[in-house]
Every structure is written in C-alpha cells, then in structure tokens.
Amino acid sequence: MAQTVVEIHVPLRATPGLPEHSYQYPWIDDVEEHLAEQDDVEVFDDGEEVDDVYIFFITGGSESALLDAASRLATLERVPAGAFAVVTDEDAEEFGQGRRVTLPMS
C-alpha cells in the first residue's frame, strides 16, 4: 500500500513591507523550520515552486494528523492566505492529483 502524502500548496506571494532587494519569501524558511520541529509528521520531499504556488510535502502520519499539521502550517504568521492541501500518495505522477482540502481547517 502506498504511503499517504499531503501536498501543501501556498500562494507564492511576497511578504509585504520588506526592503525591495531583500528575499521576498521568508515565510518559506518559516514553514521549513516549522516542519522540521514537528514530531507527528515527516517532510516527504523538498519544497518546490510550481507556477504561482510553493508546495511543501509531508507524510509519516495518518491522514488526519497530516491535515492537522497542514492546517497549523497555514496559520503561521507570515504564510500567505489561500493555502490548500492535496491528499495523495507517494505513487502520484503529478502534483495536485488527489482530494483538495481548504486550509486552515475549522
């Protein structure tokens, strides 16, 4: 049986108020640090920029635990609004192929 993977799609938006020539997406580092500190999930693969979103990949827990972790990630201070998760598995051939879940979950 294939391992469950949750893709977390975050709109690729610059952080407002940063100096013009500074790194405009510090929230990506915030998310990566947050994921590294989680005990209930594992990072499945490196994050990836695809079109107008940045995708993070997590696995290592039940679907419920993975979606809870994705929901917490979506509420981090600098993470742009509009994130969503896609529940898929390690055998998926393309990004975004699976059940879409709006984040944060209520």
N, C-alpha and C. Protein backbone atom coordinates (compact mmCIF):
# COMPACT_ATOMS: atom_id res chain seq x y z
N MET A 1 0.85 -1.19 0.00
CA MET A 1 0.00 0.00 0.00
C MET A 1 0.89 1.24 0.00
N ALA A 2 0.56 2.20 -0.85
CA ALA A 2 1.34 3.43 -0.97
C ALA A 2 1.17 4.31 0.27
N GLN A 3 2.22 5.00 0.61
CA GLN A 3 2.24 5.89 1.77
C GLN A 3 1.48 7.19 1.45
N THR A 4 0.63 7.64 2.37
CA THR A 4 -0.12 8.88 2.20
C THR A 4 0.84 10.07 2.24
N VAL A 5 0.63 10.99 1.32
CA VAL A 5 1.39 12.23 1.26
C VAL A 5 0.38 13.37 1.18
N VAL A 6 0.64 14.43 1.93
CA VAL A 6 -0.17 15.64 1.81
C VAL A 6 0.71 16.72 1.21
N GLU A 7 0.25 17.26 0.10
CA GLU A 7 0.90 18.41 -0.53
C GLU A 7 0.26 19.66 0.06
N ILE A 8 1.07 20.61 0.46
CA ILE A 8 0.53 21.86 0.98
C ILE A 8 0.89 22.95 -0.02
N HIS A 9 -0.12 23.47 -0.71
CA HIS A 9 0.05 24.47 -1.75
C HIS A 9 -0.17 25.86 -1.13
N VAL A 10 0.86 26.69 -1.18
CA VAL A 10 0.78 28.03 -0.61
C VAL A 10 1.00 29.04 -1.74
N PRO A 11 0.10 30.03 -1.87
CA PRO A 11 0.30 31.03 -2.92
C PRO A 11 1.68 31.69 -2.78
N LEU A 12 2.37 31.80 -3.89
CA LEU A 12 3.72 32.36 -3.88
C LEU A 12 3.60 33.89 -3.94
N ARG A 13 3.43 34.47 -2.76
CA ARG A 13 3.29 35.92 -2.62
C ARG A 13 4.41 36.46 -1.74
N ALA A 14 4.93 37.60 -2.16
CA ALA A 14 5.98 38.25 -1.38
C ALA A 14 5.41 38.74 -0.05
N THR A 15 6.28 38.77 0.95
CA THR A 15 5.90 39.27 2.27
C THR A 15 5.86 40.80 2.20
N PRO A 16 4.72 41.41 2.55
CA PRO A 16 4.62 42.88 2.48
C PRO A 16 5.57 43.56 3.45
N GLY A 17 6.04 44.74 3.06
CA GLY A 17 6.84 45.58 3.95
C GLY A 17 8.31 45.27 3.99
N LEU A 18 8.79 44.36 3.17
CA LEU A 18 10.22 44.05 3.16
C LEU A 18 10.96 45.01 2.23
N PRO A 19 12.23 45.30 2.54
CA PRO A 19 13.01 46.14 1.62
C PRO A 19 13.04 45.52 0.22
N GLU A 20 13.09 46.35 -0.79
CA GLU A 20 12.97 45.93 -2.18
C GLU A 20 13.95 44.83 -2.60
N HIS A 21 15.17 44.88 -2.17
CA HIS A 21 16.18 43.92 -2.63
C HIS A 21 16.41 42.77 -1.66
N SER A 22 15.55 42.63 -0.70
CA SER A 22 15.69 41.51 0.24
C SER A 22 14.92 40.29 -0.28
N TYR A 23 15.17 39.15 0.34
CA TYR A 23 14.46 37.92 0.00
C TYR A 23 12.99 38.12 0.31
N GLN A 24 12.14 37.99 -0.69
CA GLN A 24 10.73 38.34 -0.57
C GLN A 24 9.83 37.23 -0.02
N TYR A 25 10.40 36.04 0.18
CA TYR A 25 9.59 34.90 0.62
C TYR A 25 10.14 34.26 1.89
N PRO A 26 10.37 35.03 2.95
CA PRO A 26 10.92 34.44 4.17
C PRO A 26 9.98 33.43 4.83
N TRP A 27 8.72 33.47 4.48
CA TRP A 27 7.76 32.51 5.04
C TRP A 27 8.09 31.08 4.60
N ILE A 28 8.78 30.91 3.48
CA ILE A 28 9.19 29.56 3.06
C ILE A 28 10.13 28.98 4.10
N ASP A 29 11.09 29.78 4.56
CA ASP A 29 12.01 29.33 5.62
C ASP A 29 11.25 29.07 6.92
N ASP A 30 10.28 29.93 7.24
CA ASP A 30 9.46 29.74 8.44
C ASP A 30 8.77 28.38 8.41
N VAL A 31 8.19 28.05 7.25
CA VAL A 31 7.48 26.78 7.11
C VAL A 31 8.44 25.61 7.22
N GLU A 32 9.58 25.69 6.56
CA GLU A 32 10.55 24.60 6.62
C GLU A 32 11.04 24.36 8.05
N GLU A 33 11.29 25.43 8.79
CA GLU A 33 11.68 25.30 10.20
C GLU A 33 10.55 24.68 11.01
N HIS A 34 9.34 25.13 10.78
CA HIS A 34 8.16 24.61 11.48
C HIS A 34 8.03 23.10 11.24
N LEU A 35 8.15 22.69 9.98
CA LEU A 35 8.01 21.27 9.65
C LEU A 35 9.12 20.43 10.29
N ALA A 36 10.32 20.97 10.35
CA ALA A 36 11.44 20.24 10.95
C ALA A 36 11.22 20.00 12.44
N GLU A 37 10.43 20.83 13.07
CA GLU A 37 10.18 20.72 14.51
C GLU A 37 8.99 19.82 14.85
N GLN A 38 8.25 19.37 13.86
CA GLN A 38 7.05 18.56 14.10
C GLN A 38 7.42 17.12 14.41
N ASP A 39 6.78 16.57 15.43
CA ASP A 39 7.02 15.18 15.81
C ASP A 39 6.04 14.21 15.16
N ASP A 40 4.90 14.74 14.70
CA ASP A 40 3.85 13.85 14.20
C ASP A 40 3.84 13.68 12.69
N VAL A 41 4.74 14.38 11.99
CA VAL A 41 4.83 14.26 10.53
C VAL A 41 6.29 14.31 10.10
N GLU A 42 6.54 13.90 8.87
CA GLU A 42 7.88 13.96 8.29
C GLU A 42 7.81 14.73 6.98
N VAL A 43 8.90 15.40 6.66
CA VAL A 43 8.99 16.04 5.35
C VAL A 43 9.24 14.93 4.34
N PHE A 44 8.39 14.84 3.32
CA PHE A 44 8.49 13.78 2.32
C PHE A 44 9.53 14.12 1.25
N ASP A 45 9.58 15.37 0.86
CA ASP A 45 10.49 15.81 -0.19
C ASP A 45 10.71 17.31 -0.01
N ASP A 46 11.72 17.84 -0.69
CA ASP A 46 11.98 19.27 -0.63
C ASP A 46 10.80 20.02 -1.23
N GLY A 47 10.56 21.21 -0.71
CA GLY A 47 9.51 22.05 -1.27
C GLY A 47 9.87 22.43 -2.70
N GLU A 48 8.84 22.82 -3.44
CA GLU A 48 9.06 23.13 -4.85
C GLU A 48 8.14 24.24 -5.31
N GLU A 49 8.71 25.18 -6.08
CA GLU A 49 7.93 26.24 -6.68
C GLU A 49 7.33 25.72 -7.98
N VAL A 50 6.02 25.82 -8.10
CA VAL A 50 5.32 25.38 -9.30
C VAL A 50 4.32 26.48 -9.67
N ASP A 51 4.58 27.12 -10.80
CA ASP A 51 3.74 28.22 -11.26
C ASP A 51 3.62 29.28 -10.18
N ASP A 52 2.42 29.53 -9.67
CA ASP A 52 2.21 30.60 -8.70
C ASP A 52 2.01 30.10 -7.27
N VAL A 53 2.47 28.87 -6.99
CA VAL A 53 2.41 28.33 -5.63
C VAL A 53 3.75 27.72 -5.24
N TYR A 54 3.94 27.58 -3.94
CA TYR A 54 5.07 26.83 -3.40
C TYR A 54 4.47 25.63 -2.71
N ILE A 55 4.97 24.44 -3.01
CA ILE A 55 4.39 23.21 -2.48
C ILE A 55 5.34 22.56 -1.49
N PHE A 56 4.81 22.26 -0.31
CA PHE A 56 5.52 21.50 0.72
C PHE A 56 4.90 20.11 0.77
N PHE A 57 5.69 19.10 1.11
CA PHE A 57 5.22 17.72 1.11
C PHE A 57 5.45 17.09 2.47
N ILE A 58 4.40 16.53 3.07
CA ILE A 58 4.55 15.86 4.36
C ILE A 58 3.95 14.46 4.30
N THR A 59 4.45 13.60 5.16
CA THR A 59 3.99 12.22 5.26
C THR A 59 4.29 11.73 6.68
N GLY A 60 4.14 10.43 6.89
CA GLY A 60 4.56 9.85 8.16
C GLY A 60 3.50 9.80 9.24
N GLY A 61 2.28 10.09 8.90
CA GLY A 61 1.22 10.03 9.90
C GLY A 61 -0.08 9.65 9.24
N SER A 62 -1.11 9.59 10.04
CA SER A 62 -2.44 9.32 9.49
C SER A 62 -2.88 10.53 8.67
N GLU A 63 -3.85 10.33 7.82
CA GLU A 63 -4.37 11.45 7.02
C GLU A 63 -4.82 12.59 7.94
N SER A 64 -5.48 12.26 9.01
CA SER A 64 -5.95 13.26 9.96
C SER A 64 -4.79 14.06 10.56
N ALA A 65 -3.74 13.36 10.98
CA ALA A 65 -2.57 14.04 11.57
C ALA A 65 -1.89 14.92 10.54
N LEU A 66 -1.79 14.44 9.30
CA LEU A 66 -1.16 15.23 8.24
C LEU A 66 -1.96 16.49 7.94
N LEU A 67 -3.28 16.36 7.89
CA LEU A 67 -4.12 17.53 7.62
C LEU A 67 -4.11 18.50 8.79
N ASP A 68 -4.03 17.99 10.01
CA ASP A 68 -3.89 18.88 11.18
C ASP A 68 -2.59 19.67 11.08
N ALA A 69 -1.50 19.00 10.72
CA ALA A 69 -0.21 19.67 10.58
C ALA A 69 -0.25 20.71 9.46
N ALA A 70 -0.90 20.37 8.35
CA ALA A 70 -1.03 21.31 7.24
C ALA A 70 -1.85 22.53 7.66
N SER A 71 -2.88 22.31 8.44
CA SER A 71 -3.71 23.40 8.91
C SER A 71 -2.93 24.34 9.84
N ARG A 72 -2.12 23.76 10.72
CA ARG A 72 -1.28 24.59 11.60
C ARG A 72 -0.29 25.41 10.79
N LEU A 73 0.28 24.80 9.78
CA LEU A 73 1.25 25.48 8.92
C LEU A 73 0.60 26.68 8.23
N ALA A 74 -0.62 26.51 7.77
CA ALA A 74 -1.31 27.57 7.04
C ALA A 74 -1.61 28.79 7.91
N THR A 75 -1.54 28.63 9.22
CA THR A 75 -1.84 29.75 10.12
C THR A 75 -0.59 30.43 10.67
N LEU A 76 0.59 29.99 10.21
CA LEU A 76 1.81 30.66 10.66
C LEU A 76 1.77 32.12 10.24
N GLU A 77 2.40 32.97 11.02
CA GLU A 77 2.26 34.42 10.89
C GLU A 77 2.47 34.97 9.48
N ARG A 78 3.53 34.61 8.80
CA ARG A 78 3.82 35.24 7.51
C ARG A 78 3.34 34.43 6.30
N VAL A 79 2.73 33.29 6.53
CA VAL A 79 2.27 32.46 5.42
C VAL A 79 1.08 33.14 4.73
N PRO A 80 1.16 33.33 3.42
CA PRO A 80 0.05 33.98 2.71
C PRO A 80 -1.26 33.20 2.82
N ALA A 81 -2.35 33.93 2.84
CA ALA A 81 -3.68 33.31 2.87
C ALA A 81 -3.94 32.58 1.56
N GLY A 82 -4.81 31.61 1.62
CA GLY A 82 -5.21 30.90 0.41
C GLY A 82 -4.57 29.54 0.25
N ALA A 83 -3.90 29.04 1.28
CA ALA A 83 -3.27 27.73 1.19
C ALA A 83 -4.33 26.63 1.14
N PHE A 84 -3.97 25.54 0.48
CA PHE A 84 -4.82 24.36 0.47
C PHE A 84 -3.94 23.12 0.45
N ALA A 85 -4.53 22.00 0.84
CA ALA A 85 -3.80 20.73 0.86
C ALA A 85 -4.38 19.82 -0.22
N VAL A 86 -3.55 18.91 -0.68
CA VAL A 86 -3.99 17.86 -1.59
C VAL A 86 -3.56 16.54 -0.97
N VAL A 87 -4.52 15.68 -0.69
CA VAL A 87 -4.23 14.36 -0.13
C VAL A 87 -3.97 13.42 -1.30
N THR A 88 -2.78 12.84 -1.31
CA THR A 88 -2.36 11.98 -2.40
C THR A 88 -1.52 10.83 -1.82
N ASP A 89 -0.69 10.23 -2.63
CA ASP A 89 0.21 9.21 -2.11
C ASP A 89 1.55 9.27 -2.83
N GLU A 90 2.49 8.50 -2.35
CA GLU A 90 3.85 8.56 -2.88
C GLU A 90 3.95 8.11 -4.33
N ASP A 91 2.94 7.46 -4.87
CA ASP A 91 2.97 6.99 -6.25
C ASP A 91 2.38 7.99 -7.25
N ALA A 92 1.90 9.13 -6.77
CA ALA A 92 1.30 10.12 -7.67
C ALA A 92 2.33 10.58 -8.70
N GLU A 93 1.89 10.68 -9.93
CA GLU A 93 2.80 11.06 -11.01
C GLU A 93 2.89 12.57 -11.20
N GLU A 94 1.90 13.32 -10.72
CA GLU A 94 1.88 14.76 -10.87
C GLU A 94 1.44 15.41 -9.57
N PHE A 95 1.80 16.68 -9.42
CA PHE A 95 1.33 17.45 -8.27
C PHE A 95 -0.15 17.74 -8.43
N GLY A 96 -0.83 17.86 -7.30
CA GLY A 96 -2.22 18.28 -7.31
C GLY A 96 -3.23 17.22 -7.69
N GLN A 97 -2.80 15.98 -7.78
CA GLN A 97 -3.71 14.89 -8.14
C GLN A 97 -4.18 14.20 -6.87
N GLY A 98 -5.34 14.54 -6.42
CA GLY A 98 -5.89 13.97 -5.20
C GLY A 98 -7.02 14.83 -4.68
N ARG A 99 -7.42 14.54 -3.47
CA ARG A 99 -8.53 15.27 -2.84
C ARG A 99 -8.03 16.59 -2.28
N ARG A 100 -8.68 17.68 -2.67
CA ARG A 100 -8.28 19.02 -2.23
C ARG A 100 -8.99 19.37 -0.93
N VAL A 101 -8.24 19.96 0.01
CA VAL A 101 -8.78 20.35 1.32
C VAL A 101 -8.38 21.81 1.58
N THR A 102 -9.36 22.66 1.86
CA THR A 102 -9.09 24.06 2.16
C THR A 102 -8.41 24.18 3.52
N LEU A 103 -7.42 25.07 3.61
CA LEU A 103 -6.71 25.31 4.86
C LEU A 103 -6.88 26.76 5.27
N PRO A 104 -6.87 27.08 6.56
CA PRO A 104 -6.87 26.11 7.66
C PRO A 104 -8.24 25.46 7.79
N MET A 105 -8.23 24.25 8.30
CA MET A 105 -9.47 23.52 8.53
C MET A 105 -10.10 24.05 9.80
N SER A 106 -11.41 24.06 9.85
CA SER A 106 -12.07 24.57 11.08
C SER A 106 -12.41 23.44 12.01
